[in-house]
Amino acid sequence: MILFSGDTRSKLPVIKGKDIFKYLRKHGYVKRSCKGSHHSYKRADGKGSIITVAVHGNDEIREGTLRNLIKYLAMNEGKSEEEIKKELMEL
């Protein structure tokens, strides 16, 4: 289940690490490496930059981390940040 963070301006979903990985796999990303809690993903077609997500257990992704991840995904996918947020909420 995805909730929203307390700041109503941002409308960022509260999301767990496993949901981020689910989103990345669904959108053509493959795991490149894993060192400790840092998981690196790259698009299977080789386009875009490497995205690294730090996930500690099955904790929620922190707001600042999620905000940066959304920016990177929007840049890599050629979508707006609002589109990425909407897709994350639909998981």
PDB file of N, CA and C in Angstrom:
ATOM      1  N   MET A   1       0.841  -1.171   0.000  1.00  0.00           N
ATOM      2  CA  MET A   1       0.000   0.000   0.000  1.00  0.00           C
ATOM      3  C   MET A   1       0.889   1.237   0.000  1.00  0.00           C
ATOM      4  N   ILE A   2       0.512   2.218  -0.794  1.00  0.00           N
ATOM      5  CA  ILE A   2       1.289   3.439  -0.897  1.00  0.00           C
ATOM      6  C   ILE A   2       0.499   4.575  -0.268  1.00  0.00           C
ATOM      7  N   LEU A   3       1.154   5.282   0.638  1.00  0.00           N
ATOM      8  CA  LEU A   3       0.563   6.432   1.302  1.00  0.00           C
ATOM      9  C   LEU A   3       1.294   7.671   0.834  1.00  0.00           C
ATOM     10  N   PHE A   4       0.896   8.828   1.339  1.00  0.00           N
ATOM     11  CA  PHE A   4       1.584  10.062   1.006  1.00  0.00           C
ATOM     12  C   PHE A   4       2.309  10.588   2.215  1.00  0.00           C
ATOM     13  N   SER A   5       3.452  11.243   1.959  1.00  0.00           N
ATOM     14  CA  SER A   5       4.199  11.847   3.049  1.00  0.00           C
ATOM     15  C   SER A   5       3.394  13.012   3.616  1.00  0.00           C
ATOM     16  N   GLY A   6       3.766  13.464   4.805  1.00  0.00           N
ATOM     17  CA  GLY A   6       3.024  14.497   5.507  1.00  0.00           C
ATOM     18  C   GLY A   6       2.949  15.826   4.785  1.00  0.00           C
ATOM     19  N   ASP A   7       3.936  16.182   3.986  1.00  0.00           N
ATOM     20  CA  ASP A   7       3.946  17.451   3.285  1.00  0.00           C
ATOM     21  C   ASP A   7       2.998  17.377   2.100  1.00  0.00           C
ATOM     22  N   THR A   8       1.888  18.081   2.189  1.00  0.00           N
ATOM     23  CA  THR A   8       0.872  17.982   1.139  1.00  0.00           C
ATOM     24  C   THR A   8       1.300  18.661  -0.157  1.00  0.00           C
ATOM     25  N   ARG A   9       2.279  19.573  -0.106  1.00  0.00           N
ATOM     26  CA  ARG A   9       2.748  20.231  -1.324  1.00  0.00           C
ATOM     27  C   ARG A   9       3.443  19.244  -2.245  1.00  0.00           C
ATOM     28  N   SER A  10       4.221  18.344  -1.677  1.00  0.00           N
ATOM     29  CA  SER A  10       5.057  17.470  -2.492  1.00  0.00           C
ATOM     30  C   SER A  10       4.289  16.299  -3.093  1.00  0.00           C
ATOM     31  N   LYS A  11       3.286  15.802  -2.386  1.00  0.00           N
ATOM     32  CA  LYS A  11       2.523  14.639  -2.841  1.00  0.00           C
ATOM     33  C   LYS A  11       3.428  13.482  -3.226  1.00  0.00           C
ATOM     34  N   LEU A  12       4.466  13.277  -2.452  1.00  0.00           N
ATOM     35  CA  LEU A  12       5.354  12.146  -2.700  1.00  0.00           C
ATOM     36  C   LEU A  12       4.760  10.903  -2.066  1.00  0.00           C
ATOM     37  N   PRO A  13       4.734   9.803  -2.808  1.00  0.00           N
ATOM     38  CA  PRO A  13       4.250   8.569  -2.191  1.00  0.00           C
ATOM     39  C   PRO A  13       5.267   8.066  -1.171  1.00  0.00           C
ATOM     40  N   VAL A  14       4.772   7.424  -0.127  1.00  0.00           N
ATOM     41  CA  VAL A  14       5.653   6.727   0.818  1.00  0.00           C
ATOM     42  C   VAL A  14       5.775   5.325   0.257  1.00  0.00           C
ATOM     43  N   ILE A  15       6.996   4.956  -0.098  1.00  0.00           N
ATOM     44  CA  ILE A  15       7.185   3.719  -0.854  1.00  0.00           C
ATOM     45  C   ILE A  15       8.350   2.930  -0.274  1.00  0.00           C
ATOM     46  N   LYS A  16       8.252   1.628  -0.325  1.00  0.00           N
ATOM     47  CA  LYS A  16       9.290   0.747   0.209  1.00  0.00           C
ATOM     48  C   LYS A  16      10.265   0.356  -0.897  1.00  0.00           C
ATOM     49  N   GLY A  17      11.439  -0.093  -0.476  1.00  0.00           N
ATOM     50  CA  GLY A  17      12.478  -0.466  -1.424  1.00  0.00           C
ATOM     51  C   GLY A  17      12.034  -1.497  -2.434  1.00  0.00           C
ATOM     52  N   LYS A  18      11.296  -2.510  -1.987  1.00  0.00           N
ATOM     53  CA  LYS A  18      10.871  -3.563  -2.911  1.00  0.00           C
ATOM     54  C   LYS A  18       9.959  -3.005  -4.002  1.00  0.00           C
ATOM     55  N   ASP A  19       9.206  -1.940  -3.687  1.00  0.00           N
ATOM     56  CA  ASP A  19       8.347  -1.328  -4.697  1.00  0.00           C
ATOM     57  C   ASP A  19       9.163  -0.552  -5.725  1.00  0.00           C
ATOM     58  N   ILE A  20      10.250   0.076  -5.280  1.00  0.00           N
ATOM     59  CA  ILE A  20      11.144   0.765  -6.215  1.00  0.00           C
ATOM     60  C   ILE A  20      11.753  -0.251  -7.181  1.00  0.00           C
ATOM     61  N   PHE A  21      12.211  -1.380  -6.643  1.00  0.00           N
ATOM     62  CA  PHE A  21      12.801  -2.414  -7.498  1.00  0.00           C
ATOM     63  C   PHE A  21      11.773  -2.952  -8.482  1.00  0.00           C
ATOM     64  N   LYS A  22      10.528  -3.112  -8.034  1.00  0.00           N
ATOM     65  CA  LYS A  22       9.446  -3.579  -8.893  1.00  0.00           C
ATOM     66  C   LYS A  22       9.224  -2.583 -10.044  1.00  0.00           C
ATOM     67  N   TYR A  23       9.216  -1.298  -9.718  1.00  0.00           N
ATOM     68  CA  TYR A  23       9.045  -0.260 -10.731  1.00  0.00           C
ATOM     69  C   TYR A  23      10.191  -0.304 -11.747  1.00  0.00           C
ATOM     70  N   LEU A  24      11.417  -0.382 -11.235  1.00  0.00           N
ATOM     71  CA  LEU A  24      12.582  -0.385 -12.130  1.00  0.00           C
ATOM     72  C   LEU A  24      12.548  -1.573 -13.080  1.00  0.00           C
ATOM     73  N   ARG A  25      12.258  -2.759 -12.561  1.00  0.00           N
ATOM     74  CA  ARG A  25      12.195  -3.957 -13.421  1.00  0.00           C
ATOM     75  C   ARG A  25      11.084  -3.826 -14.460  1.00  0.00           C
ATOM     76  N   LYS A  26       9.948  -3.293 -14.040  1.00  0.00           N
ATOM     77  CA  LYS A  26       8.801  -3.125 -14.941  1.00  0.00           C
ATOM     78  C   LYS A  26       9.140  -2.182 -16.097  1.00  0.00           C
ATOM     79  N   HIS A  27      10.039  -1.221 -15.841  1.00  0.00           N
ATOM     80  CA  HIS A  27      10.379  -0.229 -16.854  1.00  0.00           C
ATOM     81  C   HIS A  27      11.719  -0.512 -17.546  1.00  0.00           C
ATOM     82  N   GLY A  28      12.138  -1.762 -17.537  1.00  0.00           N
ATOM     83  CA  GLY A  28      13.278  -2.173 -18.337  1.00  0.00           C
ATOM     84  C   GLY A  28      14.647  -1.996 -17.710  1.00  0.00           C
ATOM     85  N   TYR A  29      14.700  -1.863 -16.399  1.00  0.00           N
ATOM     86  CA  TYR A  29      15.989  -1.753 -15.717  1.00  0.00           C
ATOM     87  C   TYR A  29      16.425  -3.125 -15.220  1.00  0.00           C
ATOM     88  N   VAL A  30      17.714  -3.357 -15.245  1.00  0.00           N
ATOM     89  CA  VAL A  30      18.270  -4.604 -14.731  1.00  0.00           C
ATOM     90  C   VAL A  30      19.282  -4.270 -13.642  1.00  0.00           C
ATOM     91  N   LYS A  31      19.379  -5.173 -12.670  1.00  0.00           N
ATOM     92  CA  LYS A  31      20.329  -4.956 -11.586  1.00  0.00           C
ATOM     93  C   LYS A  31      21.742  -5.083 -12.131  1.00  0.00           C
ATOM     94  N   ARG A  32      22.541  -4.083 -11.862  1.00  0.00           N
ATOM     95  CA  ARG A  32      23.920  -4.051 -12.334  1.00  0.00           C
ATOM     96  C   ARG A  32      24.850  -4.587 -11.271  1.00  0.00           C
ATOM     97  N   SER A  33      24.644  -4.124 -10.042  1.00  0.00           N
ATOM     98  CA  SER A  33      25.469  -4.596  -8.939  1.00  0.00           C
ATOM     99  C   SER A  33      24.770  -4.311  -7.619  1.00  0.00           C
ATOM    100  N   CYS A  34      25.316  -4.913  -6.572  1.00  0.00           N
ATOM    101  CA  CYS A  34      24.788  -4.701  -5.235  1.00  0.00           C
ATOM    102  C   CYS A  34      25.959  -4.764  -4.268  1.00  0.00           C
ATOM    103  N   LYS A  35      26.158  -3.673  -3.537  1.00  0.00           N
ATOM    104  CA  LYS A  35      27.210  -3.626  -2.522  1.00  0.00           C
ATOM    105  C   LYS A  35      26.563  -3.204  -1.216  1.00  0.00           C
ATOM    106  N   GLY A  36      26.415  -4.158  -0.339  1.00  0.00           N
ATOM    107  CA  GLY A  36      25.729  -3.867   0.923  1.00  0.00           C
ATOM    108  C   GLY A  36      24.278  -3.541   0.650  1.00  0.00           C
ATOM    109  N   SER A  37      23.857  -2.364   1.083  1.00  0.00           N
ATOM    110  CA  SER A  37      22.463  -1.967   0.891  1.00  0.00           C
ATOM    111  C   SER A  37      22.266  -1.106  -0.357  1.00  0.00           C
ATOM    112  N   HIS A  38      23.318  -0.895  -1.137  1.00  0.00           N
ATOM    113  CA  HIS A  38      23.237  -0.072  -2.334  1.00  0.00           C
ATOM    114  C   HIS A  38      23.063  -0.949  -3.573  1.00  0.00           C
ATOM    115  N   HIS A  39      21.919  -0.791  -4.219  1.00  0.00           N
ATOM    116  CA  HIS A  39      21.576  -1.567  -5.410  1.00  0.00           C
ATOM    117  C   HIS A  39      21.661  -0.647  -6.625  1.00  0.00           C
ATOM    118  N   SER A  40      22.440  -1.038  -7.625  1.00  0.00           N
ATOM    119  CA  SER A  40      22.598  -0.232  -8.836  1.00  0.00           C
ATOM    120  C   SER A  40      21.838  -0.877  -9.987  1.00  0.00           C
ATOM    121  N   TYR A  41      21.086  -0.047 -10.701  1.00  0.00           N
ATOM    122  CA  TYR A  41      20.298  -0.499 -11.841  1.00  0.00           C
ATOM    123  C   TYR A  41      20.655   0.322 -13.062  1.00  0.00           C
ATOM    124  N   LYS A  42      20.557  -0.316 -14.225  1.00  0.00           N
ATOM    125  CA  LYS A  42      20.795   0.344 -15.507  1.00  0.00           C
ATOM    126  C   LYS A  42      19.730  -0.168 -16.469  1.00  0.00           C
ATOM    127  N   ARG A  43      19.317   0.684 -17.399  1.00  0.00           N
ATOM    128  CA  ARG A  43      18.335   0.250 -18.399  1.00  0.00           C
ATOM    129  C   ARG A  43      18.930  -0.844 -19.257  1.00  0.00           C
ATOM    130  N   ALA A  44      18.149  -1.838 -19.577  1.00  0.00           N
ATOM    131  CA  ALA A  44      18.624  -2.977 -20.362  1.00  0.00           C
ATOM    132  C   ALA A  44      19.078  -2.558 -21.761  1.00  0.00           C
ATOM    133  N   ASP A  45      18.495  -1.486 -22.291  1.00  0.00           N
ATOM    134  CA  ASP A  45      18.880  -1.032 -23.630  1.00  0.00           C
ATOM    135  C   ASP A  45      20.148  -0.177 -23.614  1.00  0.00           C
ATOM    136  N   GLY A  46      20.724   0.050 -22.424  1.00  0.00           N
ATOM    137  CA  GLY A  46      21.979   0.784 -22.312  1.00  0.00           C
ATOM    138  C   GLY A  46      21.828   2.293 -22.272  1.00  0.00           C
ATOM    139  N   LYS A  47      20.623   2.802 -22.465  1.00  0.00           N
ATOM    140  CA  LYS A  47      20.402   4.248 -22.454  1.00  0.00           C
ATOM    141  C   LYS A  47      20.278   4.740 -21.011  1.00  0.00           C
ATOM    142  N   GLY A  48      20.558   6.003 -20.811  1.00  0.00           N
ATOM    143  CA  GLY A  48      20.394   6.599 -19.492  1.00  0.00           C
ATOM    144  C   GLY A  48      21.560   6.299 -18.571  1.00  0.00           C
ATOM    145  N   SER A  49      21.471   6.849 -17.382  1.00  0.00           N
ATOM    146  CA  SER A  49      22.552   6.679 -16.416  1.00  0.00           C
ATOM    147  C   SER A  49      22.221   5.566 -15.425  1.00  0.00           C
ATOM    148  N   ILE A  50      23.218   5.209 -14.651  1.00  0.00           N
ATOM    149  CA  ILE A  50      23.037   4.196 -13.613  1.00  0.00           C
ATOM    150  C   ILE A  50      22.289   4.824 -12.442  1.00  0.00           C
ATOM    151  N   ILE A  51      21.329   4.100 -11.907  1.00  0.00           N
ATOM    152  CA  ILE A  51      20.553   4.572 -10.761  1.00  0.00           C
ATOM    153  C   ILE A  51      20.908   3.686  -9.575  1.00  0.00           C
ATOM    154  N   THR A  52      21.342   4.299  -8.491  1.00  0.00           N
ATOM    155  CA  THR A  52      21.686   3.568  -7.280  1.00  0.00           C
ATOM    156  C   THR A  52      20.696   3.913  -6.184  1.00  0.00           C
ATOM    157  N   VAL A  53      20.140   2.878  -5.572  1.00  0.00           N
ATOM    158  CA  VAL A  53      19.159   3.054  -4.504  1.00  0.00           C
ATOM    159  C   VAL A  53      19.674   2.357  -3.257  1.00  0.00           C
ATOM    160  N   ALA A  54      19.715   3.086  -2.153  1.00  0.00           N
ATOM    161  CA  ALA A  54      20.110   2.507  -0.869  1.00  0.00           C
ATOM    162  C   ALA A  54      18.846   2.042  -0.149  1.00  0.00           C
ATOM    163  N   VAL A  55      18.763   0.746   0.087  1.00  0.00           N
ATOM    164  CA  VAL A  55      17.590   0.180   0.750  1.00  0.00           C
ATOM    165  C   VAL A  55      18.052  -0.602   1.965  1.00  0.00           C
ATOM    166  N   HIS A  56      17.534  -0.230   3.107  1.00  0.00           N
ATOM    167  CA  HIS A  56      17.892  -0.889   4.355  1.00  0.00           C
ATOM    168  C   HIS A  56      16.725  -1.767   4.791  1.00  0.00           C
ATOM    169  N   GLY A  57      16.885  -3.072   4.588  1.00  0.00           N
ATOM    170  CA  GLY A  57      15.792  -3.997   4.892  1.00  0.00           C
ATOM    171  C   GLY A  57      14.632  -3.708   3.969  1.00  0.00           C
ATOM    172  N   ASN A  58      13.453  -3.646   4.523  1.00  0.00           N
ATOM    173  CA  ASN A  58      12.276  -3.286   3.741  1.00  0.00           C
ATOM    174  C   ASN A  58      11.718  -1.963   4.256  1.00  0.00           C
ATOM    175  N   ASP A  59      12.617  -1.074   4.662  1.00  0.00           N
ATOM    176  CA  ASP A  59      12.212   0.240   5.161  1.00  0.00           C
ATOM    177  C   ASP A  59      11.689   1.095   4.015  1.00  0.00           C
ATOM    178  N   GLU A  60      10.963   2.145   4.402  1.00  0.00           N
ATOM    179  CA  GLU A  60      10.490   3.108   3.420  1.00  0.00           C
ATOM    180  C   GLU A  60      11.671   3.919   2.892  1.00  0.00           C
ATOM    181  N   ILE A  61      11.576   4.308   1.640  1.00  0.00           N
ATOM    182  CA  ILE A  61      12.599   5.159   1.043  1.00  0.00           C
ATOM    183  C   ILE A  61      12.411   6.560   1.626  1.00  0.00           C
ATOM    184  N   ARG A  62      13.494   7.157   2.074  1.00  0.00           N
ATOM    185  CA  ARG A  62      13.412   8.503   2.656  1.00  0.00           C
ATOM    186  C   ARG A  62      12.975   9.509   1.597  1.00  0.00           C
ATOM    187  N   GLU A  63      12.328  10.573   2.067  1.00  0.00           N
ATOM    188  CA  GLU A  63      11.748  11.556   1.155  1.00  0.00           C
ATOM    189  C   GLU A  63      12.780  12.183   0.220  1.00  0.00           C
ATOM    190  N   GLY A  64      13.933  12.585   0.737  1.00  0.00           N
ATOM    191  CA  GLY A  64      14.959  13.196  -0.105  1.00  0.00           C
ATOM    192  C   GLY A  64      15.501  12.224  -1.146  1.00  0.00           C
ATOM    193  N   THR A  65      15.687  10.968  -0.734  1.00  0.00           N
ATOM    194  CA  THR A  65      16.154   9.929  -1.654  1.00  0.00           C
ATOM    195  C   THR A  65      15.123   9.698  -2.747  1.00  0.00           C
ATOM    196  N   LEU A  66      13.864   9.623  -2.359  1.00  0.00           N
ATOM    197  CA  LEU A  66      12.794   9.397  -3.324  1.00  0.00           C
ATOM    198  C   LEU A  66      12.682  10.576  -4.292  1.00  0.00           C
ATOM    199  N   ARG A  67      12.797  11.785  -3.777  1.00  0.00           N
ATOM    200  CA  ARG A  67      12.721  12.976  -4.629  1.00  0.00           C
ATOM    201  C   ARG A  67      13.834  12.938  -5.696  1.00  0.00           C
ATOM    202  N   ASN A  68      15.062  12.598  -5.280  1.00  0.00           N
ATOM    203  CA  ASN A  68      16.170  12.507  -6.232  1.00  0.00           C
ATOM    204  C   ASN A  68      15.974  11.365  -7.217  1.00  0.00           C
ATOM    205  N   LEU A  69      15.474  10.246  -6.738  1.00  0.00           N
ATOM    206  CA  LEU A  69      15.213   9.100  -7.604  1.00  0.00           C
ATOM    207  C   LEU A  69      14.186   9.462  -8.678  1.00  0.00           C
ATOM    208  N   ILE A  70      13.147  10.180  -8.291  1.00  0.00           N
ATOM    209  CA  ILE A  70      12.121  10.602  -9.249  1.00  0.00           C
ATOM    210  C   ILE A  70      12.736  11.521 -10.307  1.00  0.00           C
ATOM    211  N   LYS A  71      13.624  12.416  -9.890  1.00  0.00           N
ATOM    212  CA  LYS A  71      14.298  13.304 -10.851  1.00  0.00           C
ATOM    213  C   LYS A  71      15.127  12.503 -11.854  1.00  0.00           C
ATOM    214  N   TYR A  72      15.921  11.544 -11.349  1.00  0.00           N
ATOM    215  CA  TYR A  72      16.735  10.711 -12.235  1.00  0.00           C
ATOM    216  C   TYR A  72      15.868   9.898 -13.189  1.00  0.00           C
ATOM    217  N   LEU A  73      14.792   9.308 -12.675  1.00  0.00           N
ATOM    218  CA  LEU A  73      13.911   8.507 -13.518  1.00  0.00           C
ATOM    219  C   LEU A  73      13.263   9.366 -14.596  1.00  0.00           C
ATOM    220  N   ALA A  74      12.826  10.557 -14.231  1.00  0.00           N
ATOM    221  CA  ALA A  74      12.207  11.451 -15.206  1.00  0.00           C
ATOM    222  C   ALA A  74      13.201  11.784 -16.317  1.00  0.00           C
ATOM    223  N   MET A  75      14.444  12.048 -15.942  1.00  0.00           N
ATOM    224  CA  MET A  75      15.476  12.362 -16.921  1.00  0.00           C
ATOM    225  C   MET A  75      15.761  11.152 -17.814  1.00  0.00           C
ATOM    226  N   ASN A  76      15.926   9.974 -17.226  1.00  0.00           N
ATOM    227  CA  ASN A  76      16.238   8.762 -17.991  1.00  0.00           C
ATOM    228  C   ASN A  76      15.094   8.313 -18.878  1.00  0.00           C
ATOM    229  N   GLU A  77      13.869   8.482 -18.397  1.00  0.00           N
ATOM    230  CA  GLU A  77      12.704   7.995 -19.129  1.00  0.00           C
ATOM    231  C   GLU A  77      12.135   9.028 -20.094  1.00  0.00           C
ATOM    232  N   GLY A  78      12.569  10.282 -19.982  1.00  0.00           N
ATOM    233  CA  GLY A  78      12.023  11.330 -20.840  1.00  0.00           C
ATOM    234  C   GLY A  78      10.598  11.681 -20.463  1.00  0.00           C
ATOM    235  N   LYS A  79      10.282  11.554 -19.183  1.00  0.00           N
ATOM    236  CA  LYS A  79       8.942  11.857 -18.672  1.00  0.00           C
ATOM    237  C   LYS A  79       9.039  12.989 -17.664  1.00  0.00           C
ATOM    238  N   SER A  80       7.891  13.540 -17.298  1.00  0.00           N
ATOM    239  CA  SER A  80       7.877  14.565 -16.258  1.00  0.00           C
ATOM    240  C   SER A  80       7.928  13.886 -14.889  1.00  0.00           C
ATOM    241  N   GLU A  81       8.325  14.644 -13.889  1.00  0.00           N
ATOM    242  CA  GLU A  81       8.359  14.113 -12.529  1.00  0.00           C
ATOM    243  C   GLU A  81       6.963  13.724 -12.075  1.00  0.00           C
ATOM    244  N   GLU A  82       5.958  14.467 -12.498  1.00  0.00           N
ATOM    245  CA  GLU A  82       4.572  14.150 -12.125  1.00  0.00           C
ATOM    246  C   GLU A  82       4.138  12.802 -12.705  1.00  0.00           C
ATOM    247  N   GLU A  83       4.566  12.502 -13.921  1.00  0.00           N
ATOM    248  CA  GLU A  83       4.239  11.208 -14.527  1.00  0.00           C
ATOM    249  C   GLU A  83       4.876  10.064 -13.738  1.00  0.00           C
ATOM    250  N   ILE A  84       6.123  10.254 -13.317  1.00  0.00           N
ATOM    251  CA  ILE A  84       6.817   9.223 -12.541  1.00  0.00           C
ATOM    252  C   ILE A  84       6.114   9.017 -11.208  1.00  0.00           C
ATOM    253  N   LYS A  85       5.742  10.105 -10.535  1.00  0.00           N
ATOM    254  CA  LYS A  85       5.028   9.997  -9.252  1.00  0.00           C
ATOM    255  C   LYS A  85       3.728   9.216  -9.432  1.00  0.00           C
ATOM    256  N   LYS A  86       2.999   9.524 -10.505  1.00  0.00           N
ATOM    257  CA  LYS A  86       1.738   8.834 -10.762  1.00  0.00           C
ATOM    258  C   LYS A  86       1.965   7.342 -10.981  1.00  0.00           C
ATOM    259  N   GLU A  87       3.001   7.004 -11.735  1.00  0.00           N
ATOM    260  CA  GLU A  87       3.312   5.583 -11.980  1.00  0.00           C
ATOM    261  C   GLU A  87       3.692   4.876 -10.683  1.00  0.00           C
ATOM    262  N   LEU A  88       4.435   5.556  -9.820  1.00  0.00           N
ATOM    263  CA  LEU A  88       4.815   4.963  -8.533  1.00  0.00           C
ATOM    264  C   LEU A  88       3.600   4.730  -7.651  1.00  0.00           C
ATOM    265  N   MET A  89       2.643   5.632  -7.713  1.00  0.00           N
ATOM    266  CA  MET A  89       1.424   5.489  -6.900  1.00  0.00           C
ATOM    267  C   MET A  89       0.568   4.323  -7.370  1.00  0.00           C
ATOM    268  N   GLU A  90       0.710   3.940  -8.635  1.00  0.00           N
ATOM    269  CA  GLU A  90      -0.107   2.864  -9.194  1.00  0.00           C
ATOM    270  C   GLU A  90       0.447   1.469  -8.904  1.00  0.00           C
ATOM    271  N   LEU A  91       1.611   1.377  -8.260  1.00  0.00           N
ATOM    272  CA  LEU A  91       2.204   0.059  -7.962  1.00  0.00           C
ATOM    273  C   LEU A  91       1.333  -0.715  -6.995  1.00  0.00           C
TER     274      LEU A  91
END
